Amino acid sequence: MTTVPVTDLKNRLSHYLRLVARGEDVTILDRGRPVARITRIDIGDAELDALVAAGIANPPSARRSKDFLTRTLPKAKVSVQRALLDDRDDRF
């Protein structure tokens, strides 16, 4: 089990979610005291069907690829900064 301060969790959430996805529990500390635990959800088809029927969850649209959590994302074709500045120019 991994123990992490809430400030570190905020800064590296994706890292800790990958650990949870692999089956590790993460305990969150606030000022040195444990306040929460993140654990992997392993539910069966019947439970998922019940959640979908209740409108709480959406069924998966397709199977997730095996490298989903570790794959490298493609580089942006345009600058994010340029897109942000263009968006701001439209407002003023």
C-alpha atoms as a PDB file:
ATOM      1  CA  MET A   1       0.000   0.000   0.000  1.00  0.00           C
ATOM      2  CA  THR A   2       1.221   3.478  -0.890  1.00  0.00           C
ATOM      3  CA  THR A   3       0.730   6.464   1.424  1.00  0.00           C
ATOM      4  CA  VAL A   4       0.692   9.942  -0.106  1.00  0.00           C
ATOM      5  CA  PRO A   5       0.089  13.490   1.175  1.00  0.00           C
ATOM      6  CA  VAL A   6      -2.879  15.221  -0.458  1.00  0.00           C
ATOM      7  CA  THR A   7      -0.596  17.864  -2.009  1.00  0.00           C
ATOM      8  CA  ASP A   8       1.459  15.188  -3.774  1.00  0.00           C
ATOM      9  CA  LEU A   9      -1.727  13.432  -4.880  1.00  0.00           C
ATOM     10  CA  LYS A  10      -2.975  16.658  -6.472  1.00  0.00           C
ATOM     11  CA  ASN A  11       0.300  17.147  -8.330  1.00  0.00           C
ATOM     12  CA  ARG A  12       0.693  13.538  -9.521  1.00  0.00           C
ATOM     13  CA  LEU A  13      -2.862  12.190  -9.712  1.00  0.00           C
ATOM     14  CA  SER A  14      -2.310  10.288 -12.974  1.00  0.00           C
ATOM     15  CA  HIS A  15       0.659   8.447 -11.485  1.00  0.00           C
ATOM     16  CA  TYR A  16      -1.344   7.297  -8.464  1.00  0.00           C
ATOM     17  CA  LEU A  17      -4.326   6.304 -10.603  1.00  0.00           C
ATOM     18  CA  ARG A  18      -2.009   4.065 -12.631  1.00  0.00           C
ATOM     19  CA  LEU A  19      -0.881   2.415  -9.384  1.00  0.00           C
ATOM     20  CA  VAL A  20      -4.521   1.862  -8.384  1.00  0.00           C
ATOM     21  CA  ALA A  21      -5.333   0.452 -11.826  1.00  0.00           C
ATOM     22  CA  ARG A  22      -2.561  -2.128 -11.267  1.00  0.00           C
ATOM     23  CA  GLY A  23      -4.221  -3.167  -8.008  1.00  0.00           C
ATOM     24  CA  GLU A  24      -2.324  -1.152  -5.410  1.00  0.00           C
ATOM     25  CA  ASP A  25      -4.194   0.766  -2.693  1.00  0.00           C
ATOM     26  CA  VAL A  26      -3.302   4.423  -2.096  1.00  0.00           C
ATOM     27  CA  THR A  27      -3.909   6.008   1.311  1.00  0.00           C
ATOM     28  CA  ILE A  28      -4.249   9.799   1.315  1.00  0.00           C
ATOM     29  CA  LEU A  29      -2.867  11.845   4.203  1.00  0.00           C
ATOM     30  CA  ASP A  30      -4.034  15.306   5.234  1.00  0.00           C
ATOM     31  CA  ARG A  31      -1.552  16.921   7.614  1.00  0.00           C
ATOM     32  CA  GLY A  32      -0.089  13.507   8.366  1.00  0.00           C
ATOM     33  CA  ARG A  33      -3.419  11.823   9.196  1.00  0.00           C
ATOM     34  CA  PRO A  34      -5.030   9.229   6.901  1.00  0.00           C
ATOM     35  CA  VAL A  35      -8.312  10.610   5.549  1.00  0.00           C
ATOM     36  CA  ALA A  36      -9.147   8.470   2.501  1.00  0.00           C
ATOM     37  CA  ARG A  37      -8.136   5.429   0.514  1.00  0.00           C
ATOM     38  CA  ILE A  38      -8.280   4.894  -3.240  1.00  0.00           C
ATOM     39  CA  THR A  39      -8.797   1.278  -4.274  1.00  0.00           C
ATOM     40  CA  ARG A  40      -9.366  -0.476  -7.551  1.00  0.00           C
ATOM     41  CA  ILE A  41     -12.964  -1.296  -8.396  1.00  0.00           C
ATOM     42  CA  ASP A  42     -13.530  -4.880  -9.443  1.00  0.00           C
ATOM     43  CA  ILE A  43     -17.198  -5.333 -10.168  1.00  0.00           C
ATOM     44  CA  GLY A  44     -18.971  -8.070 -12.028  1.00  0.00           C
ATOM     45  CA  ASP A  45     -21.244  -7.698 -15.036  1.00  0.00           C
ATOM     46  CA  ALA A  46     -24.412  -7.841 -12.912  1.00  0.00           C
ATOM     47  CA  GLU A  47     -23.282  -4.902 -10.793  1.00  0.00           C
ATOM     48  CA  LEU A  48     -22.307  -2.881 -13.864  1.00  0.00           C
ATOM     49  CA  ASP A  49     -25.675  -3.651 -15.477  1.00  0.00           C
ATOM     50  CA  ALA A  50     -27.436  -2.404 -12.328  1.00  0.00           C
ATOM     51  CA  LEU A  51     -25.426   0.830 -12.376  1.00  0.00           C
ATOM     52  CA  VAL A  52     -26.237   1.371 -16.062  1.00  0.00           C
ATOM     53  CA  ALA A  53     -29.937   0.667 -15.449  1.00  0.00           C
ATOM     54  CA  ALA A  54     -29.965   3.198 -12.603  1.00  0.00           C
ATOM     55  CA  GLY A  55     -28.361   5.821 -14.853  1.00  0.00           C
ATOM     56  CA  ILE A  56     -25.271   6.072 -12.648  1.00  0.00           C
ATOM     57  CA  ALA A  57     -22.818   4.656 -15.210  1.00  0.00           C
ATOM     58  CA  ASN A  58     -22.522   4.428 -18.961  1.00  0.00           C
ATOM     59  CA  PRO A  59     -21.579   1.128 -20.582  1.00  0.00           C
ATOM     60  CA  PRO A  60     -18.218   1.031 -22.353  1.00  0.00           C
ATOM     61  CA  SER A  61     -18.482   1.833 -26.056  1.00  0.00           C
ATOM     62  CA  ALA A  62     -15.498  -0.341 -27.016  1.00  0.00           C
ATOM     63  CA  ARG A  63     -12.802  -2.509 -25.448  1.00  0.00           C
ATOM     64  CA  ARG A  64      -9.869  -0.581 -24.059  1.00  0.00           C
ATOM     65  CA  SER A  65      -6.516  -1.320 -25.671  1.00  0.00           C
ATOM     66  CA  LYS A  66      -3.855  -2.992 -23.509  1.00  0.00           C
ATOM     67  CA  ASP A  67      -1.561   0.041 -23.721  1.00  0.00           C
ATOM     68  CA  PHE A  68      -4.322   2.522 -22.825  1.00  0.00           C
ATOM     69  CA  LEU A  69      -2.666   3.767 -19.637  1.00  0.00           C
ATOM     70  CA  THR A  70       0.925   3.681 -20.889  1.00  0.00           C
ATOM     71  CA  ARG A  71       0.732   4.782 -24.520  1.00  0.00           C
ATOM     72  CA  THR A  72       2.353   7.974 -25.751  1.00  0.00           C
ATOM     73  CA  LEU A  73      -0.089  10.606 -26.910  1.00  0.00           C
ATOM     74  CA  PRO A  74       0.462  12.236 -30.302  1.00  0.00           C
ATOM     75  CA  LYS A  75       2.103  15.650 -30.445  1.00  0.00           C
ATOM     76  CA  ALA A  76      -0.207  18.603 -31.007  1.00  0.00           C
ATOM     77  CA  LYS A  77      -0.216  19.895 -34.595  1.00  0.00           C
ATOM     78  CA  VAL A  78      -0.633  23.461 -33.412  1.00  0.00           C
ATOM     79  CA  SER A  79       0.675  25.297 -30.401  1.00  0.00           C
ATOM     80  CA  VAL A  80      -1.594  25.142 -27.384  1.00  0.00           C
ATOM     81  CA  GLN A  81      -0.396  28.603 -26.445  1.00  0.00           C
ATOM     82  CA  ARG A  82      -1.359  29.928 -29.890  1.00  0.00           C
ATOM     83  CA  ALA A  83      -4.832  28.366 -29.617  1.00  0.00           C
ATOM     84  CA  LEU A  84      -5.311  29.911 -26.158  1.00  0.00           C
ATOM     85  CA  LEU A  85      -4.259  33.349 -27.363  1.00  0.00           C
ATOM     86  CA  ASP A  86      -6.555  33.056 -30.391  1.00  0.00           C
ATOM     87  CA  ASP A  87      -9.430  32.104 -28.120  1.00  0.00           C
ATOM     88  CA  ARG A  88      -8.751  35.088 -25.870  1.00  0.00           C
ATOM     89  CA  ASP A  89      -8.582  37.439 -28.875  1.00  0.00           C
ATOM     90  CA  ASP A  90     -12.108  36.362 -29.839  1.00  0.00           C
ATOM     91  CA  ARG A  91     -13.461  37.519 -26.476  1.00  0.00           C
ATOM     92  CA  PHE A  92     -12.125  41.054 -26.483  1.00  0.00           C
END
